[in-house]
Amino acid sequence: NLEGKPTPLPMINRYLARLGLQTQGSWKQITYDVKLTHKNA
């Protein structure tokens, strides 16, 4: 919300599931320090 109180992840995933998506809640705004751990060729 506007005060920064996080929305429960199950509520967000219920909404996203209707769109065929899912989140784990671990968003990275800056990706320069992300390491690739698995890739699907």
Full PDB file with SEQRES, HELIX, SHEET, SSBOND, CRYST1, ORIGX, SCALE, CONECT and MASTER records, all heavy atoms in Angstrom:
SEQRES   1 A   41  ASN LEU GLU GLY LYS PRO THR PRO LEU PRO MET ILE ASN          
SEQRES   2 A   41  ARG TYR LEU ALA ARG LEU GLY LEU GLN THR GLN GLY SER          
SEQRES   3 A   41  TRP LYS GLN ILE THR TYR ASP VAL LYS LEU THR HIS LYS          
SEQRES   4 A   41  ASN ALA                                                      
HELIX    1 AA1 LEU A    9  ARG A   18  1                                  10    
CRYST1    1.000    1.000    1.000  90.00  90.00  90.00 P 1           1          
ORIGX1      1.000000  0.000000  0.000000        0.00000                         
ORIGX2      0.000000  1.000000  0.000000        0.00000                         
ORIGX3      0.000000  0.000000  1.000000        0.00000                         
SCALE1      1.000000  0.000000  0.000000        0.00000                         
SCALE2      0.000000  1.000000  0.000000        0.00000                         
SCALE3      0.000000  0.000000  1.000000        0.00000                         
ATOM      1  N   ASN A   1       0.854  -1.186   0.000  1.00  0.00           N  
ATOM      2  CA  ASN A   1       0.000   0.000   0.000  1.00  0.00           C  
ATOM      3  C   ASN A   1       0.891   1.238   0.000  1.00  0.00           C  
ATOM      4  O   ASN A   1       2.122   1.132  -0.005  1.00  0.00           O  
ATOM      5  CB  ASN A   1      -0.996  -0.028   1.160  1.00  0.00           C  
ATOM      6  CG  ASN A   1      -0.341   0.094   2.522  1.00  0.00           C  
ATOM      7  OD1 ASN A   1       0.821   0.448   2.658  1.00  0.00           O  
ATOM      8  ND2 ASN A   1      -1.100  -0.219   3.549  1.00  0.00           N  
ATOM      9  N   LEU A   2       0.299   2.408   0.033  1.00  0.00           N  
ATOM     10  CA  LEU A   2       1.078   3.643  -0.062  1.00  0.00           C  
ATOM     11  C   LEU A   2       1.968   3.884   1.146  1.00  0.00           C  
ATOM     12  O   LEU A   2       2.960   4.598   1.056  1.00  0.00           O  
ATOM     13  CB  LEU A   2       0.144   4.840  -0.269  1.00  0.00           C  
ATOM     14  CG  LEU A   2      -0.633   4.825  -1.582  1.00  0.00           C  
ATOM     15  CD1 LEU A   2      -1.545   6.031  -1.674  1.00  0.00           C  
ATOM     16  CD2 LEU A   2       0.297   4.762  -2.783  1.00  0.00           C  
ATOM     17  N   GLU A   3       1.648   3.257   2.271  1.00  0.00           N  
ATOM     18  CA  GLU A   3       2.492   3.376   3.478  1.00  0.00           C  
ATOM     19  C   GLU A   3       3.626   2.359   3.467  1.00  0.00           C  
ATOM     20  O   GLU A   3       4.428   2.323   4.378  1.00  0.00           O  
ATOM     21  CB  GLU A   3       1.642   3.202   4.740  1.00  0.00           C  
ATOM     22  CG  GLU A   3       0.668   4.343   5.000  1.00  0.00           C  
ATOM     23  CD  GLU A   3      -0.577   4.270   4.121  1.00  0.00           C  
ATOM     24  OE1 GLU A   3      -1.088   3.148   3.886  1.00  0.00           O  
ATOM     25  OE2 GLU A   3      -1.024   5.329   3.655  1.00  0.00           O  
ATOM     26  N   GLY A   4       3.668   1.491   2.471  1.00  0.00           N  
ATOM     27  CA  GLY A   4       4.732   0.499   2.366  1.00  0.00           C  
ATOM     28  C   GLY A   4       4.416  -0.847   2.979  1.00  0.00           C  
ATOM     29  O   GLY A   4       5.269  -1.735   2.993  1.00  0.00           O  
ATOM     30  N   LYS A   5       3.207  -1.020   3.514  1.00  0.00           N  
ATOM     31  CA  LYS A   5       2.833  -2.320   4.096  1.00  0.00           C  
ATOM     32  C   LYS A   5       2.686  -3.336   2.966  1.00  0.00           C  
ATOM     33  O   LYS A   5       1.869  -3.173   2.062  1.00  0.00           O  
ATOM     34  CB  LYS A   5       1.524  -2.205   4.861  1.00  0.00           C  
ATOM     35  CG  LYS A   5       1.103  -3.518   5.493  1.00  0.00           C  
ATOM     36  CD  LYS A   5      -0.215  -3.397   6.224  1.00  0.00           C  
ATOM     37  CE  LYS A   5      -0.610  -4.766   6.774  1.00  0.00           C  
ATOM     38  NZ  LYS A   5      -1.977  -4.761   7.283  1.00  0.00           N  
ATOM     39  N   PRO A   6       3.480  -4.419   3.000  1.00  0.00           N  
ATOM     40  CA  PRO A   6       3.444  -5.395   1.912  1.00  0.00           C  
ATOM     41  C   PRO A   6       2.117  -6.150   1.831  1.00  0.00           C  
ATOM     42  O   PRO A   6       1.486  -6.444   2.839  1.00  0.00           O  
ATOM     43  CB  PRO A   6       4.587  -6.366   2.219  1.00  0.00           C  
ATOM     44  CG  PRO A   6       5.190  -5.939   3.499  1.00  0.00           C  
ATOM     45  CD  PRO A   6       4.455  -4.759   4.025  1.00  0.00           C  
ATOM     46  N   THR A   7       1.734  -6.453   0.628  1.00  0.00           N  
ATOM     47  CA  THR A   7       0.554  -7.277   0.372  1.00  0.00           C  
ATOM     48  C   THR A   7       0.953  -8.736   0.554  1.00  0.00           C  
ATOM     49  O   THR A   7       2.019  -9.141   0.082  1.00  0.00           O  
ATOM     50  CB  THR A   7       0.053  -7.051  -1.066  1.00  0.00           C  
ATOM     51  OG1 THR A   7      -0.172  -5.651  -1.243  1.00  0.00           O  
ATOM     52  CG2 THR A   7      -1.226  -7.809  -1.336  1.00  0.00           C  
ATOM     53  N   PRO A   8       0.150  -9.548   1.230  1.00  0.00           N  
ATOM     54  CA  PRO A   8       0.509 -10.966   1.406  1.00  0.00           C  
ATOM     55  C   PRO A   8       0.736 -11.653   0.051  1.00  0.00           C  
ATOM     56  O   PRO A   8      -0.071 -11.516  -0.876  1.00  0.00           O  
ATOM     57  CB  PRO A   8      -0.704 -11.552   2.128  1.00  0.00           C  
ATOM     58  CG  PRO A   8      -1.351 -10.390   2.801  1.00  0.00           C  
ATOM     59  CD  PRO A   8      -1.111  -9.212   1.908  1.00  0.00           C  
ATOM     60  N   LEU A   9       1.828 -12.381  -0.032  1.00  0.00           N  
ATOM     61  CA  LEU A   9       2.209 -13.059  -1.272  1.00  0.00           C  
ATOM     62  C   LEU A   9       1.117 -14.002  -1.800  1.00  0.00           C  
ATOM     63  O   LEU A   9       0.880 -14.039  -3.012  1.00  0.00           O  
ATOM     64  CB  LEU A   9       3.532 -13.802  -1.068  1.00  0.00           C  
ATOM     65  CG  LEU A   9       4.292 -14.204  -2.314  1.00  0.00           C  
ATOM     66  CD1 LEU A   9       4.594 -13.013  -3.206  1.00  0.00           C  
ATOM     67  CD2 LEU A   9       5.578 -14.904  -1.931  1.00  0.00           C  
ATOM     68  N   PRO A  10       0.398 -14.750  -0.943  1.00  0.00           N  
ATOM     69  CA  PRO A  10      -0.666 -15.607  -1.475  1.00  0.00           C  
ATOM     70  C   PRO A  10      -1.764 -14.823  -2.201  1.00  0.00           C  
ATOM     71  O   PRO A  10      -2.334 -15.299  -3.179  1.00  0.00           O  
ATOM     72  CB  PRO A  10      -1.224 -16.318  -0.235  1.00  0.00           C  
ATOM     73  CG  PRO A  10      -0.105 -16.293   0.746  1.00  0.00           C  
ATOM     74  CD  PRO A  10       0.632 -15.017   0.486  1.00  0.00           C  
ATOM     75  N   MET A  11      -2.057 -13.606  -1.734  1.00  0.00           N  
ATOM     76  CA  MET A  11      -3.064 -12.773  -2.399  1.00  0.00           C  
ATOM     77  C   MET A  11      -2.579 -12.353  -3.793  1.00  0.00           C  
ATOM     78  O   MET A  11      -3.339 -12.375  -4.753  1.00  0.00           O  
ATOM     79  CB  MET A  11      -3.362 -11.523  -1.562  1.00  0.00           C  
ATOM     80  CG  MET A  11      -4.048 -11.787  -0.255  1.00  0.00           C  
ATOM     81  SD  MET A  11      -5.775 -12.224  -0.443  1.00  0.00           S  
ATOM     82  CE  MET A  11      -6.457 -10.752  -1.132  1.00  0.00           C  
ATOM     83  N   ILE A  12      -1.314 -11.970  -3.874  1.00  0.00           N  
ATOM     84  CA  ILE A  12      -0.752 -11.570  -5.168  1.00  0.00           C  
ATOM     85  C   ILE A  12      -0.720 -12.765  -6.108  1.00  0.00           C  
ATOM     86  O   ILE A  12      -1.079 -12.664  -7.288  1.00  0.00           O  
ATOM     87  CB  ILE A  12       0.663 -10.974  -4.991  1.00  0.00           C  
ATOM     88  CG1 ILE A  12       0.595  -9.691  -4.157  1.00  0.00           C  
ATOM     89  CG2 ILE A  12       1.312 -10.711  -6.346  1.00  0.00           C  
ATOM     90  CD1 ILE A  12       1.945  -9.140  -3.767  1.00  0.00           C  
ATOM     91  N   ASN A  13      -0.308 -13.931  -5.601  1.00  0.00           N  
ATOM     92  CA  ASN A  13      -0.211 -15.118  -6.454  1.00  0.00           C  
ATOM     93  C   ASN A  13      -1.582 -15.632  -6.900  1.00  0.00           C  
ATOM     94  O   ASN A  13      -1.695 -16.212  -7.972  1.00  0.00           O  
ATOM     95  CB  ASN A  13       0.602 -16.209  -5.774  1.00  0.00           C  
ATOM     96  CG  ASN A  13       2.084 -16.014  -6.012  1.00  0.00           C  
ATOM     97  OD1 ASN A  13       2.492 -15.569  -7.077  1.00  0.00           O  
ATOM     98  ND2 ASN A  13       2.885 -16.332  -5.027  1.00  0.00           N  
ATOM     99  N   ARG A  14      -2.607 -15.421  -6.108  1.00  0.00           N  
ATOM    100  CA  ARG A  14      -3.960 -15.811  -6.549  1.00  0.00           C  
ATOM    101  C   ARG A  14      -4.344 -14.988  -7.776  1.00  0.00           C  
ATOM    102  O   ARG A  14      -4.879 -15.503  -8.751  1.00  0.00           O  
ATOM    103  CB  ARG A  14      -4.972 -15.607  -5.427  1.00  0.00           C  
ATOM    104  CG  ARG A  14      -6.386 -15.981  -5.869  1.00  0.00           C  
ATOM    105  CD  ARG A  14      -7.363 -15.989  -4.703  1.00  0.00           C  
ATOM    106  NE  ARG A  14      -8.653 -16.451  -5.184  1.00  0.00           N  
ATOM    107  CZ  ARG A  14      -9.716 -15.674  -5.314  1.00  0.00           C  
ATOM    108  NH1 ARG A  14      -9.650 -14.403  -4.968  1.00  0.00           N  
ATOM    109  NH2 ARG A  14     -10.845 -16.152  -5.773  1.00  0.00           N  
ATOM    110  N   TYR A  15      -4.058 -13.697  -7.717  1.00  0.00           N  
ATOM    111  CA  TYR A  15      -4.319 -12.792  -8.839  1.00  0.00           C  
ATOM    112  C   TYR A  15      -3.471 -13.196 -10.056  1.00  0.00           C  
ATOM    113  O   TYR A  15      -3.984 -13.333 -11.168  1.00  0.00           O  
ATOM    114  CB  TYR A  15      -4.010 -11.375  -8.371  1.00  0.00           C  
ATOM    115  CG  TYR A  15      -3.984 -10.292  -9.408  1.00  0.00           C  
ATOM    116  CD1 TYR A  15      -5.129  -9.911 -10.090  1.00  0.00           C  
ATOM    117  CD2 TYR A  15      -2.810  -9.599  -9.665  1.00  0.00           C  
ATOM    118  CE1 TYR A  15      -5.108  -8.871 -11.006  1.00  0.00           C  
ATOM    119  CE2 TYR A  15      -2.778  -8.560 -10.572  1.00  0.00           C  
ATOM    120  CZ  TYR A  15      -3.925  -8.198 -11.246  1.00  0.00           C  
ATOM    121  OH  TYR A  15      -3.890  -7.171 -12.148  1.00  0.00           O  
ATOM    122  N   LEU A  16      -2.191 -13.403  -9.833  1.00  0.00           N  
ATOM    123  CA  LEU A  16      -1.295 -13.764 -10.928  1.00  0.00           C  
ATOM    124  C   LEU A  16      -1.629 -15.125 -11.537  1.00  0.00           C  
ATOM    125  O   LEU A  16      -1.470 -15.327 -12.739  1.00  0.00           O  
ATOM    126  CB  LEU A  16       0.157 -13.747 -10.454  1.00  0.00           C  
ATOM    127  CG  LEU A  16       0.774 -12.379 -10.225  1.00  0.00           C  
ATOM    128  CD1 LEU A  16       2.162 -12.524  -9.628  1.00  0.00           C  
ATOM    129  CD2 LEU A  16       0.820 -11.581 -11.511  1.00  0.00           C  
ATOM    130  N   ALA A  17      -2.077 -16.059 -10.700  1.00  0.00           N  
ATOM    131  CA  ALA A  17      -2.423 -17.391 -11.203  1.00  0.00           C  
ATOM    132  C   ALA A  17      -3.531 -17.304 -12.248  1.00  0.00           C  
ATOM    133  O   ALA A  17      -3.563 -18.086 -13.197  1.00  0.00           O  
ATOM    134  CB  ALA A  17      -2.834 -18.306 -10.061  1.00  0.00           C  
ATOM    135  N   ARG A  18      -4.439 -16.341 -12.076  1.00  0.00           N  
ATOM    136  CA  ARG A  18      -5.516 -16.144 -13.046  1.00  0.00           C  
ATOM    137  C   ARG A  18      -4.961 -15.709 -14.399  1.00  0.00           C  
ATOM    138  O   ARG A  18      -5.607 -15.840 -15.420  1.00  0.00           O  
ATOM    139  CB  ARG A  18      -6.498 -15.083 -12.545  1.00  0.00           C  
ATOM    140  CG  ARG A  18      -7.008 -15.260 -11.132  1.00  0.00           C  
ATOM    141  CD  ARG A  18      -7.959 -16.418 -10.942  1.00  0.00           C  
ATOM    142  NE  ARG A  18      -9.212 -16.329 -11.639  1.00  0.00           N  
ATOM    143  CZ  ARG A  18     -10.332 -15.812 -11.173  1.00  0.00           C  
ATOM    144  NH1 ARG A  18     -10.356 -15.281  -9.974  1.00  0.00           N  
ATOM    145  NH2 ARG A  18     -11.426 -15.843 -11.883  1.00  0.00           N  
ATOM    146  N   LEU A  19      -3.745 -15.152 -14.374  1.00  0.00           N  
ATOM    147  CA  LEU A  19      -3.085 -14.701 -15.596  1.00  0.00           C  
ATOM    148  C   LEU A  19      -2.037 -15.703 -16.083  1.00  0.00           C  
ATOM    149  O   LEU A  19      -1.320 -15.442 -17.034  1.00  0.00           O  
ATOM    150  CB  LEU A  19      -2.419 -13.341 -15.348  1.00  0.00           C  
ATOM    151  CG  LEU A  19      -3.333 -12.234 -14.833  1.00  0.00           C  
ATOM    152  CD1 LEU A  19      -2.515 -11.017 -14.433  1.00  0.00           C  
ATOM    153  CD2 LEU A  19      -4.381 -11.881 -15.859  1.00  0.00           C  
ATOM    154  N   GLY A  20      -1.940 -16.839 -15.377  1.00  0.00           N  
ATOM    155  CA  GLY A  20      -0.959 -17.860 -15.747  1.00  0.00           C  
ATOM    156  C   GLY A  20       0.440 -17.561 -15.247  1.00  0.00           C  
ATOM    157  O   GLY A  20       1.416 -18.064 -15.801  1.00  0.00           O  
ATOM    158  N   LEU A  21       0.550 -16.756 -14.188  1.00  0.00           N  
ATOM    159  CA  LEU A  21       1.855 -16.344 -13.669  1.00  0.00           C  
ATOM    160  C   LEU A  21       1.960 -16.643 -12.179  1.00  0.00           C  
ATOM    161  O   LEU A  21       0.980 -16.996 -11.527  1.00  0.00           O  
ATOM    162  CB  LEU A  21       2.054 -14.842 -13.896  1.00  0.00           C  
ATOM    163  CG  LEU A  21       1.986 -14.362 -15.334  1.00  0.00           C  
ATOM    164  CD1 LEU A  21       1.942 -12.850 -15.379  1.00  0.00           C  
ATOM    165  CD2 LEU A  21       3.147 -14.898 -16.142  1.00  0.00           C  
ATOM    166  N   GLN A  22       3.168 -16.466 -11.654  1.00  0.00           N  
ATOM    167  CA  GLN A  22       3.412 -16.642 -10.224  1.00  0.00           C  
ATOM    168  C   GLN A  22       4.633 -15.814  -9.855  1.00  0.00           C  
ATOM    169  O   GLN A  22       5.527 -15.610 -10.671  1.00  0.00           O  
ATOM    170  CB  GLN A  22       3.675 -18.104  -9.901  1.00  0.00           C  
ATOM    171  CG  GLN A  22       3.958 -18.348  -8.444  1.00  0.00           C  
ATOM    172  CD  GLN A  22       4.353 -19.791  -8.159  1.00  0.00           C  
ATOM    173  OE1 GLN A  22       4.642 -20.563  -9.063  1.00  0.00           O  
ATOM    174  NE2 GLN A  22       4.366 -20.148  -6.897  1.00  0.00           N  
ATOM    175  N   THR A  23       4.672 -15.322  -8.622  1.00  0.00           N  
ATOM    176  CA  THR A  23       5.845 -14.616  -8.130  1.00  0.00           C  
ATOM    177  C   THR A  23       6.335 -15.270  -6.851  1.00  0.00           C  
ATOM    178  O   THR A  23       5.549 -15.869  -6.120  1.00  0.00           O  
ATOM    179  CB  THR A  23       5.566 -13.118  -7.877  1.00  0.00           C  
ATOM    180  OG1 THR A  23       6.788 -12.482  -7.464  1.00  0.00           O  
ATOM    181  CG2 THR A  23       4.516 -12.919  -6.806  1.00  0.00           C  
ATOM    182  N   GLN A  24       7.627 -15.151  -6.606  1.00  0.00           N  
ATOM    183  CA  GLN A  24       8.190 -15.647  -5.357  1.00  0.00           C  
ATOM    184  C   GLN A  24       8.478 -14.487  -4.409  1.00  0.00           C  
ATOM    185  O   GLN A  24       8.967 -14.683  -3.313  1.00  0.00           O  
ATOM    186  CB  GLN A  24       9.460 -16.443  -5.636  1.00  0.00           C  
ATOM    187  CG  GLN A  24       9.174 -17.690  -6.432  1.00  0.00           C  
ATOM    188  CD  GLN A  24      10.448 -18.419  -6.820  1.00  0.00           C  
ATOM    189  OE1 GLN A  24      11.561 -17.903  -6.674  1.00  0.00           O  
ATOM    190  NE2 GLN A  24      10.291 -19.626  -7.326  1.00  0.00           N  
ATOM    191  N   GLY A  25       8.189 -13.273  -4.881  1.00  0.00           N  
ATOM    192  CA  GLY A  25       8.361 -12.105  -4.031  1.00  0.00           C  
ATOM    193  C   GLY A  25       9.792 -11.644  -3.880  1.00  0.00           C  
ATOM    194  O   GLY A  25      10.096 -10.849  -3.009  1.00  0.00           O  
ATOM    195  N   SER A  26      10.692 -12.120  -4.702  1.00  0.00           N  
ATOM    196  CA  SER A  26      12.095 -11.720  -4.579  1.00  0.00           C  
ATOM    197  C   SER A  26      12.527 -10.951  -5.833  1.00  0.00           C  
ATOM    198  O   SER A  26      13.299 -11.428  -6.636  1.00  0.00           O  
ATOM    199  CB  SER A  26      12.983 -12.950  -4.377  1.00  0.00           C  
ATOM    200  OG  SER A  26      12.783 -13.866  -5.443  1.00  0.00           O  
ATOM    201  N   TRP A  27      11.981  -9.768  -5.971  1.00  0.00           N  
ATOM    202  CA  TRP A  27      12.259  -8.926  -7.132  1.00  0.00           C  
ATOM    203  C   TRP A  27      13.601  -8.233  -6.968  1.00  0.00           C  
ATOM    204  O   TRP A  27      13.922  -7.719  -5.907  1.00  0.00           O  
ATOM    205  CB  TRP A  27      11.153  -7.884  -7.277  1.00  0.00           C  
ATOM    206  CG  TRP A  27      11.414  -6.869  -8.318  1.00  0.00           C  
ATOM    207  CD1 TRP A  27      11.778  -5.570  -8.113  1.00  0.00           C  
ATOM    208  CD2 TRP A  27      11.331  -7.044  -9.724  1.00  0.00           C  
ATOM    209  NE1 TRP A  27      11.918  -4.925  -9.305  1.00  0.00           N  
ATOM    210  CE2 TRP A  27      11.651  -5.810 -10.323  1.00  0.00           C  
ATOM    211  CE3 TRP A  27      11.019  -8.113 -10.550  1.00  0.00           C  
ATOM    212  CZ2 TRP A  27      11.668  -5.633 -11.697  1.00  0.00           C  
ATOM    213  CZ3 TRP A  27      11.040  -7.926 -11.915  1.00  0.00           C  
ATOM    214  CH2 TRP A  27      11.356  -6.706 -12.469  1.00  0.00           C  
ATOM    215  N   LYS A  28      14.399  -8.209  -8.022  1.00  0.00           N  
ATOM    216  CA  LYS A  28      15.673  -7.507  -8.025  1.00  0.00           C  
ATOM    217  C   LYS A  28      15.536  -6.283  -8.913  1.00  0.00           C  
ATOM    218  O   LYS A  28      15.350  -6.403 -10.113  1.00  0.00           O  
ATOM    219  CB  LYS A  28      16.795  -8.395  -8.584  1.00  0.00           C  
ATOM    220  CG  LYS A  28      17.167  -9.549  -7.717  1.00  0.00           C  
ATOM    221  CD  LYS A  28      18.127  -9.087  -6.683  1.00  0.00           C  
ATOM    222  CE  LYS A  28      18.707 -10.272  -5.954  1.00  0.00           C  
ATOM    223  NZ  LYS A  28      19.449  -9.895  -4.807  1.00  0.00           N  
ATOM    224  N   GLN A  29      15.603  -5.102  -8.316  1.00  0.00           N  
ATOM    225  CA  GLN A  29      15.507  -3.875  -9.094  1.00  0.00           C  
ATOM    226  C   GLN A  29      16.777  -3.663  -9.922  1.00  0.00           C  
ATOM    227  O   GLN A  29      16.713  -3.286 -11.073  1.00  0.00           O  
ATOM    228  CB  GLN A  29      15.271  -2.679  -8.167  1.00  0.00           C  
ATOM    229  CG  GLN A  29      15.012  -1.383  -8.892  1.00  0.00           C  
ATOM    230  CD  GLN A  29      13.690  -1.383  -9.633  1.00  0.00           C  
ATOM    231  OE1 GLN A  29      12.747  -2.028  -9.228  1.00  0.00           O  
ATOM    232  NE2 GLN A  29      13.617  -0.660 -10.719  1.00  0.00           N  
ATOM    233  N   ILE A  30      17.933  -3.903  -9.316  1.00  0.00           N  
ATOM    234  CA  ILE A  30      19.196  -3.740 -10.014  1.00  0.00           C  
ATOM    235  C   ILE A  30      19.780  -5.127 -10.216  1.00  0.00           C  
ATOM    236  O   ILE A  30      19.982  -5.879  -9.268  1.00  0.00           O  
ATOM    237  CB  ILE A  30      20.164  -2.861  -9.204  1.00  0.00           C  
ATOM    238  CG1 ILE A  30      19.527  -1.480  -9.000  1.00  0.00           C  
ATOM    239  CG2 ILE A  30      21.505  -2.758  -9.885  1.00  0.00           C  
ATOM    240  CD1 ILE A  30      20.275  -0.579  -8.073  1.00  0.00           C  
ATOM    241  N   THR A  31      20.066  -5.476 -11.456  1.00  0.00           N  
ATOM    242  CA  THR A  31      20.457  -6.857 -11.745  1.00  0.00           C  
ATOM    243  C   THR A  31      21.945  -7.037 -12.041  1.00  0.00           C  
ATOM    244  O   THR A  31      22.352  -8.111 -12.434  1.00  0.00           O  
ATOM    245  CB  THR A  31      19.654  -7.378 -12.952  1.00  0.00           C  
ATOM    246  OG1 THR A  31      19.903  -6.542 -14.069  1.00  0.00           O  
ATOM    247  CG2 THR A  31      18.179  -7.416 -12.638  1.00  0.00           C  
ATOM    248  N   TYR A  32      22.769  -6.028 -11.850  1.00  0.00           N  
ATOM    249  CA  TYR A  32      24.174  -6.187 -12.175  1.00  0.00           C  
ATOM    250  C   TYR A  32      24.889  -7.196 -11.287  1.00  0.00           C  
ATOM    251  O   TYR A  32      25.917  -7.732 -11.656  1.00  0.00           O  
ATOM    252  CB  TYR A  32      24.914  -4.849 -12.150  1.00  0.00           C  
ATOM    253  CG  TYR A  32      24.963  -4.190 -10.787  1.00  0.00           C  
ATOM    254  CD1 TYR A  32      25.926  -4.530  -9.854  1.00  0.00           C  
ATOM    255  CD2 TYR A  32      24.042  -3.210 -10.455  1.00  0.00           C  
ATOM    256  CE1 TYR A  32      25.959  -3.933  -8.618  1.00  0.00           C  
ATOM    257  CE2 TYR A  32      24.065  -2.602  -9.217  1.00  0.00           C  
ATOM    258  CZ  TYR A  32      25.032  -2.971  -8.308  1.00  0.00           C  
ATOM    259  OH  TYR A  32      25.060  -2.367  -7.084  1.00  0.00           O  
ATOM    260  N   ASP A  33      24.347  -7.495 -10.114  1.00  0.00           N  
ATOM    261  CA  ASP A  33      25.006  -8.447  -9.218  1.00  0.00           C  
ATOM    262  C   ASP A  33      24.325  -9.816  -9.201  1.00  0.00           C  
ATOM    263  O   ASP A  33      24.610 -10.645  -8.361  1.00  0.00           O  
ATOM    264  CB  ASP A  33      25.086  -7.881  -7.803  1.00  0.00           C  
ATOM    265  CG  ASP A  33      23.720  -7.638  -7.187  1.00  0.00           C  
ATOM    266  OD1 ASP A  33      22.719  -7.641  -7.932  1.00  0.00           O  
ATOM    267  OD2 ASP A  33      23.652  -7.437  -5.971  1.00  0.00           O  
ATOM    268  N   VAL A  34      23.455 -10.069 -10.157  1.00  0.00           N  
ATOM    269  CA  VAL A  34      22.766 -11.354 -10.226  1.00  0.00           C  
ATOM    270  C   VAL A  34      23.672 -12.365 -10.919  1.00  0.00           C  
ATOM    271  O   VAL A  34      24.319 -12.069 -11.915  1.00  0.00           O  
ATOM    272  CB  VAL A  34      21.429 -11.206 -10.998  1.00  0.00           C  
ATOM    273  CG1 VAL A  34      20.791 -12.552 -11.229  1.00  0.00           C  
ATOM    274  CG2 VAL A  34      20.491 -10.288 -10.244  1.00  0.00           C  
ATOM    275  N   LYS A  35      23.709 -13.583 -10.378  1.00  0.00           N  
ATOM    276  CA  LYS A  35      24.518 -14.646 -10.978  1.00  0.00           C  
ATOM    277  C   LYS A  35      23.600 -15.699 -11.571  1.00  0.00           C  
ATOM    278  O   LYS A  35      22.593 -16.074 -10.972  1.00  0.00           O  
ATOM    279  CB  LYS A  35      25.416 -15.291  -9.923  1.00  0.00           C  
ATOM    280  CG  LYS A  35      26.468 -14.356  -9.396  1.00  0.00           C  
ATOM    281  CD  LYS A  35      27.342 -15.054  -8.377  1.00  0.00           C  
ATOM    282  CE  LYS A  35      28.364 -14.066  -7.850  1.00  0.00           C  
ATOM    283  NZ  LYS A  35      29.235 -14.666  -6.867  1.00  0.00           N  
ATOM    284  N   LEU A  36      23.935 -16.176 -12.733  1.00  0.00           N  
ATOM    285  CA  LEU A  36      23.183 -17.224 -13.398  1.00  0.00           C  
ATOM    286  C   LEU A  36      23.495 -18.552 -12.724  1.00  0.00           C  
ATOM    287  O   LEU A  36      24.647 -18.952 -12.616  1.00  0.00           O  
ATOM    288  CB  LEU A  36      23.568 -17.274 -14.883  1.00  0.00           C  
ATOM    289  CG  LEU A  36      22.848 -18.288 -15.735  1.00  0.00           C  
ATOM    290  CD1 LEU A  36      21.377 -17.928 -15.838  1.00  0.00           C  
ATOM    291  CD2 LEU A  36      23.456 -18.349 -17.113  1.00  0.00           C  
ATOM    292  N   THR A  37      22.479 -19.233 -12.229  1.00  0.00           N  
ATOM    293  CA  THR A  37      22.680 -20.519 -11.554  1.00  0.00           C  
ATOM    294  C   THR A  37      22.148 -21.688 -12.369  1.00  0.00           C  
ATOM    295  O   THR A  37      22.530 -22.821 -12.138  1.00  0.00           O  
ATOM    296  CB  THR A  37      21.993 -20.531 -10.174  1.00  0.00           C  
ATOM    297  OG1 THR A  37      20.599 -20.315 -10.347  1.00  0.00           O  
ATOM    298  CG2 THR A  37      22.584 -19.462  -9.265  1.00  0.00           C  
ATOM    299  N   HIS A  38      21.257 -21.422 -13.302  1.00  0.00           N  
ATOM    300  CA  HIS A  38      20.686 -22.485 -14.130  1.00  0.00           C  
ATOM    301  C   HIS A  38      20.221 -21.873 -15.437  1.00  0.00           C  
ATOM    302  O   HIS A  38      19.723 -20.761 -15.470  1.00  0.00           O  
ATOM    303  CB  HIS A  38      19.486 -23.126 -13.427  1.00  0.00           C  
ATOM    304  CG  HIS A  38      18.768 -24.124 -14.272  1.00  0.00           C  
ATOM    305  ND1 HIS A  38      19.271 -25.386 -14.501  1.00  0.00           N  
ATOM    306  CD2 HIS A  38      17.618 -24.046 -14.968  1.00  0.00           C  
ATOM    307  CE1 HIS A  38      18.430 -26.038 -15.303  1.00  0.00           C  
ATOM    308  NE2 HIS A  38      17.419 -25.233 -15.598  1.00  0.00           N  
ATOM    309  N   LYS A  39      20.410 -22.598 -16.526  1.00  0.00           N  
ATOM    310  CA  LYS A  39      19.882 -22.119 -17.794  1.00  0.00           C  
ATOM    311  C   LYS A  39      19.293 -23.286 -18.567  1.00  0.00           C  
ATOM    312  O   LYS A  39      19.787 -24.403 -18.528  1.00  0.00           O  
ATOM    313  CB  LYS A  39      20.951 -21.404 -18.608  1.00  0.00           C  
ATOM    314  CG  LYS A  39      22.139 -22.252 -19.002  1.00  0.00           C  
ATOM    315  CD  LYS A  39      23.141 -21.431 -19.760  1.00  0.00           C  
ATOM    316  CE  LYS A  39      24.381 -22.264 -20.073  1.00  0.00           C  
ATOM    317  NZ  LYS A  39      25.371 -21.503 -20.813  1.00  0.00           N  
ATOM    318  N   ASN A  40      18.195 -23.005 -19.215  1.00  0.00           N  
ATOM    319  CA  ASN A  40      17.506 -23.982 -20.046  1.00  0.00           C  
ATOM    320  C   ASN A  40      17.896 -23.674 -21.490  1.00  0.00           C  
ATOM    321  O   ASN A  40      17.524 -22.636 -22.033  1.00  0.00           O  
ATOM    322  CB  ASN A  40      15.995 -23.859 -19.839  1.00  0.00           C  
ATOM    323  CG  ASN A  40      15.217 -24.877 -20.642  1.00  0.00           C  
ATOM    324  OD1 ASN A  40      15.694 -25.383 -21.656  1.00  0.00           O  
ATOM    325  ND2 ASN A  40      14.013 -25.160 -20.191  1.00  0.00           N  
ATOM    326  N   ALA A  41      18.620 -24.556 -22.115  1.00  0.00           N  
ATOM    327  CA  ALA A  41      19.159 -24.312 -23.452  1.00  0.00           C  
ATOM    328  C   ALA A  41      18.072 -24.070 -24.500  1.00  0.00           C  
ATOM    329  O   ALA A  41      18.331 -23.441 -25.525  1.00  0.00           O  
ATOM    330  CB  ALA A  41      20.039 -25.488 -23.878  1.00  0.00           C  
TER     331      ALA A  41                                                      
MASTER        0    0    0    1    0    0    0    6  330    1    0    4          
END                                                                             
